[in-house]
């Protein structure tokens, strides 16, 4: 079957999902749906185990630009100017498999004013604070265990099986500007890159870097950009205030 999006009526008169949808993914996927498109709200769907019947009368038959599974979702882009972009989300409702069919508009309407939930740790986490860090971050209200140790590089390290697996170098804007000026930052980046997972976190905003050394702002920005290209494995993150 060609890459087409097809909609037909469900022949089961007792089903609460009156439509069948054909998706050209995974060799062909058939789902039962409440509506033919999520126009006003997200549409509840369920997978149909029956093979697609080519003899069914089609209510919709559109070419597909993209139909790709991405983890627990399937992205669908149809070859038409309107009602073209949607997504199928595979989840569980009351312990049973379910599928939600949504567009960007219906997803936003289903979660008005939604807030990003506070992150949760996937398990116990030990963070090592370098002994040379005078005023270490306390990680208040975070489920972590802190310990002091001398780190080979960086100010904070994530510990797994007593091994440093990731490090963070913490800097103020003044520290960053000074290390750019005296050339020491390149050697810090070199050591951080050896760890494998590392980052520099700057307590400040990028535009303020240009104000740390009057008359040298553009030079600082240029040097920082050059080092970011040279060491792409060590991201430099401007995190705002402390």
Protein backbone atom coordinates (compact mmCIF):
# COMPACT_ATOMS: atom_id res chain seq x y z
CA UNK A 1 0.00 0.00 0.00
CA UNK A 2 1.38 3.45 -0.92
CA UNK A 3 2.07 6.16 1.63
CA UNK A 4 -1.50 7.35 2.10
CA UNK A 5 -3.52 8.48 5.08
CA UNK A 6 -6.91 6.78 4.87
CA UNK A 7 -10.10 7.05 6.88
CA UNK A 8 -13.08 4.68 6.68
CA UNK A 9 -16.10 3.83 8.79
CA UNK A 10 -15.73 1.16 11.43
CA UNK A 11 -17.94 -1.79 10.37
CA UNK A 12 -18.52 -2.70 14.03
CA UNK A 13 -21.87 -1.04 14.93
CA UNK A 14 -21.26 -1.56 18.67
CA UNK A 15 -17.93 0.23 18.77
CA UNK A 16 -17.72 3.62 20.48
CA UNK A 17 -14.96 4.49 18.00
CA UNK A 18 -16.79 4.80 14.66
CA UNK A 19 -13.81 5.44 12.37
CA UNK A 20 -10.80 3.44 11.19
CA UNK A 21 -7.51 5.15 10.34
CA UNK A 22 -4.72 3.67 8.23
CA UNK A 23 -1.20 4.94 9.01
CA UNK A 24 1.69 4.00 6.70
CA UNK A 25 4.15 3.14 9.49
CA UNK A 26 5.55 -0.13 10.85
CA UNK A 27 4.25 -1.95 7.78
CA UNK A 28 0.78 -0.46 8.20
CA UNK A 29 -1.00 0.49 11.42
CA UNK A 30 -4.78 0.55 11.84
CA UNK A 31 -6.37 2.51 14.70
CA UNK A 32 -9.97 3.07 15.70
CA UNK A 33 -10.82 6.73 16.31
CA UNK A 34 -13.60 8.83 17.78
CA UNK A 35 -13.33 11.46 15.01
CA UNK A 36 -11.83 11.77 11.54
CA UNK A 37 -9.45 14.57 12.65
CA UNK A 38 -8.68 16.30 15.98
CA UNK A 39 -10.34 19.59 15.04
CA UNK A 40 -11.67 20.86 18.37
CA UNK A 41 -10.07 18.54 20.92
CA UNK A 42 -7.74 15.60 21.23
CA UNK A 43 -9.24 12.43 19.80
CA UNK A 44 -9.22 9.15 21.70
CA UNK A 45 -8.06 6.16 19.65
CA UNK A 46 -7.25 2.49 20.11
CA UNK A 47 -5.29 0.08 17.98
CA UNK A 48 -7.34 -2.25 15.78
CA UNK A 49 -5.93 -5.75 15.32
CA UNK A 50 -7.87 -6.44 12.12
CA UNK A 51 -6.04 -5.94 8.80
CA UNK A 52 -7.08 -3.05 6.59
CA UNK A 53 -9.87 -3.95 4.17
CA UNK A 54 -9.23 -2.41 0.75
CA UNK A 55 -12.91 -2.77 -0.18
CA UNK A 56 -14.05 -0.23 2.43
CA UNK A 57 -15.47 3.06 1.23
CA UNK A 58 -13.01 5.82 2.10
CA UNK A 59 -14.05 9.02 3.85
CA UNK A 60 -10.58 10.53 3.42
CA UNK A 61 -7.58 9.56 1.31
CA UNK A 62 -4.57 11.89 1.37
CA UNK A 63 -0.91 11.62 0.42
CA UNK A 64 1.56 11.51 3.30
CA UNK A 65 4.69 13.66 3.47
CA UNK A 66 5.91 12.10 6.71
CA UNK A 67 4.73 9.36 9.03
CA UNK A 68 7.44 8.43 11.49
CA UNK A 69 7.51 6.80 14.89
CA UNK A 70 9.46 8.75 17.51
CA UNK A 71 9.51 6.85 20.77
CA UNK A 72 5.99 6.79 22.19
CA UNK A 73 4.64 9.02 19.41
CA UNK A 74 3.99 8.96 15.68
CA UNK A 75 4.40 12.22 13.77
CA UNK A 76 2.07 12.62 10.80
CA UNK A 77 2.32 15.29 8.08
CA UNK A 78 -0.18 15.14 5.22
CA UNK A 79 0.19 16.55 1.73
CA UNK A 80 -2.53 19.19 1.93
CA UNK A 81 -2.60 22.88 2.90
CA UNK A 82 -4.89 22.56 5.93
CA UNK A 83 -5.40 19.92 8.62
CA UNK A 84 -2.01 18.52 7.75
CA UNK A 85 0.05 18.19 10.95
CA UNK A 86 -0.81 15.93 13.85
CA UNK A 87 0.63 13.41 16.27
CA UNK A 88 -0.46 10.12 17.80
CA UNK A 89 0.62 9.66 21.44
CA UNK A 90 0.73 6.10 22.80
CA UNK A 91 0.03 5.91 26.52
CA UNK A 92 -2.03 4.09 29.16
CA UNK A 93 -5.42 5.08 30.56
CA UNK A 94 -6.48 3.31 33.75
CA UNK A 95 -3.90 0.64 33.10
CA UNK A 96 -4.99 -0.07 29.52
CA UNK A 97 -3.21 0.92 26.27
CA UNK A 98 -4.62 4.06 24.66
CA UNK A 99 -3.77 6.49 21.89
CA UNK A 100 -4.38 10.23 21.82
CA UNK A 101 -4.50 11.92 18.43
CA UNK A 102 -3.71 15.61 18.66
CA UNK A 103 -2.61 18.74 16.84
CA UNK A 104 -0.60 21.56 18.37
CA UNK A 105 -3.78 23.55 18.99
CA UNK A 106 -5.72 20.72 20.63
CA UNK A 107 -2.73 19.73 22.77
CA UNK A 108 -2.45 23.29 24.08
CA UNK A 109 -6.19 23.46 24.70
CA UNK A 110 -6.02 20.25 26.73
CA UNK A 111 -3.36 21.76 29.01
CA UNK A 112 -4.09 25.48 29.39
CA UNK A 113 -1.42 27.26 31.41
CA UNK A 114 0.47 24.01 31.79
CA UNK A 115 3.61 24.18 33.88
CA UNK A 116 6.72 22.13 33.47
CA UNK A 117 6.80 19.68 36.39
CA UNK A 118 9.70 19.75 38.79
CA UNK A 119 12.30 17.23 37.77
CA UNK A 120 12.61 14.05 39.77
CA UNK A 121 15.75 12.07 40.35
CA UNK A 122 15.81 8.67 38.68
CA UNK A 123 17.65 7.27 41.71
CA UNK A 124 20.19 8.11 44.43
CA UNK A 125 22.71 10.70 43.28
CA UNK A 126 26.05 11.56 44.84
CA UNK A 127 27.68 14.87 43.95
CA UNK A 128 31.30 15.57 44.79
CA UNK A 129 32.24 19.17 45.56
CA UNK A 130 35.86 20.01 44.90
CA UNK A 131 37.85 20.81 48.04
CA UNK A 132 38.99 24.09 46.47
CA UNK A 133 35.40 25.32 46.05
CA UNK A 134 35.01 27.83 48.91
CA UNK A 135 31.29 28.57 48.76
CA UNK A 136 29.85 25.40 47.32
CA UNK A 137 26.29 25.07 46.09
CA UNK A 138 24.22 23.32 48.77
CA UNK A 139 21.57 21.77 46.49
CA UNK A 140 18.84 22.61 49.02
CA UNK A 141 15.67 20.49 48.79
CA UNK A 142 17.34 18.14 46.32
CA UNK A 143 17.60 14.39 47.03
CA UNK A 144 21.39 14.25 46.64
CA UNK A 145 24.32 13.21 48.81
CA UNK A 146 27.21 15.66 48.92
CA UNK A 147 30.81 14.76 49.58
CA UNK A 148 34.08 16.66 49.49
CA UNK A 149 36.92 15.37 47.35
CA UNK A 150 39.67 16.70 45.12
CA UNK A 151 38.44 16.55 41.56
CA UNK A 152 40.87 16.31 38.63
CA UNK A 153 38.94 19.13 36.94
CA UNK A 154 35.75 21.09 37.52
CA UNK A 155 34.01 22.18 40.70
CA UNK A 156 31.25 19.56 40.90
CA UNK A 157 31.19 15.95 39.81
CA UNK A 158 28.47 13.32 39.49
CA UNK A 159 29.61 10.08 41.11
CA UNK A 160 28.65 6.56 40.04
CA UNK A 161 30.32 3.49 41.59
CA UNK A 162 32.85 5.83 43.22
CA UNK A 163 33.86 7.14 39.78
CA UNK A 164 33.45 10.68 38.46
CA UNK A 165 31.22 10.33 35.40
CA UNK A 166 30.39 14.01 34.73
CA UNK A 167 31.72 17.37 35.89
CA UNK A 168 30.64 21.00 35.94
CA UNK A 169 32.94 24.01 36.12
CA UNK A 170 31.18 26.90 37.81
CA UNK A 171 32.10 30.48 36.89
CA UNK A 172 30.96 34.00 37.50
CA UNK A 173 30.98 36.42 34.59
CA UNK A 174 34.13 38.02 36.01
CA UNK A 175 35.82 34.60 36.25
CA UNK A 176 34.88 33.82 32.66
CA UNK A 177 36.14 37.14 31.33
CA UNK A 178 39.42 36.80 33.25
CA UNK A 179 40.04 33.25 32.04
CA UNK A 180 39.36 34.34 28.46
CA UNK A 181 41.78 37.24 28.82
CA UNK A 182 44.68 35.33 30.36
CA UNK A 183 44.23 32.25 28.16
CA UNK A 184 43.54 29.83 31.02
CA UNK A 185 40.05 28.92 29.79
CA UNK A 186 41.39 26.94 26.84
CA UNK A 187 43.31 24.66 29.19
CA UNK A 188 40.28 24.23 31.44
CA UNK A 189 38.25 23.22 28.40
CA UNK A 190 40.97 20.79 27.42
CA UNK A 191 40.81 19.06 30.82
CA UNK A 192 37.00 19.10 30.87
CA UNK A 193 36.86 17.51 27.42
CA UNK A 194 38.85 14.54 28.74
CA UNK A 195 36.06 13.65 31.18
CA UNK A 196 33.55 12.84 28.46
CA UNK A 197 30.54 14.55 30.05
CA UNK A 198 31.21 18.08 31.19
CA UNK A 199 29.97 21.65 31.02
CA UNK A 200 30.79 25.16 32.15
CA UNK A 201 27.93 26.91 33.94
CA UNK A 202 28.17 30.70 34.10
CA UNK A 203 26.28 32.57 36.82
CA UNK A 204 25.12 35.40 34.62
CA UNK A 205 23.59 36.30 31.28
CA UNK A 206 25.53 36.35 28.02
CA UNK A 207 24.85 40.05 27.17
CA UNK A 208 26.44 41.06 30.48
CA UNK A 209 29.74 39.45 29.46
CA UNK A 210 30.30 42.40 27.12
CA UNK A 211 30.13 44.80 30.09
CA UNK A 212 32.72 43.07 32.28
CA UNK A 213 35.71 44.66 30.52
CA UNK A 214 34.83 47.99 28.87
CA UNK A 215 36.14 48.24 25.33
CA UNK A 216 36.88 44.51 25.08
CA UNK A 217 33.38 43.05 24.89
CA UNK A 218 33.52 42.10 21.21
CA UNK A 219 36.93 40.48 21.69
CA UNK A 220 35.62 38.40 24.61
CA UNK A 221 32.63 37.29 22.54
CA UNK A 222 34.86 36.38 19.61
CA UNK A 223 37.23 34.33 21.77
CA UNK A 224 34.34 32.55 23.47
CA UNK A 225 32.85 31.65 20.09
CA UNK A 226 36.16 30.28 18.84
CA UNK A 227 36.57 28.08 21.91
CA UNK A 228 32.97 26.86 21.66
CA UNK A 229 33.70 25.67 18.12
CA UNK A 230 36.98 24.09 19.16
CA UNK A 231 35.45 22.22 22.11
CA UNK A 232 31.82 21.47 21.13
CA UNK A 233 31.71 18.58 23.63
CA UNK A 234 31.92 21.08 26.53
CA UNK A 235 28.84 23.34 26.39
CA UNK A 236 29.08 26.76 28.04
CA UNK A 237 25.74 27.52 29.68
CA UNK A 238 24.71 30.99 30.82
CA UNK A 239 22.36 30.22 33.70
CA UNK A 240 21.38 33.69 34.86
CA UNK A 241 21.49 34.59 38.55
CA UNK A 242 22.80 32.25 41.20
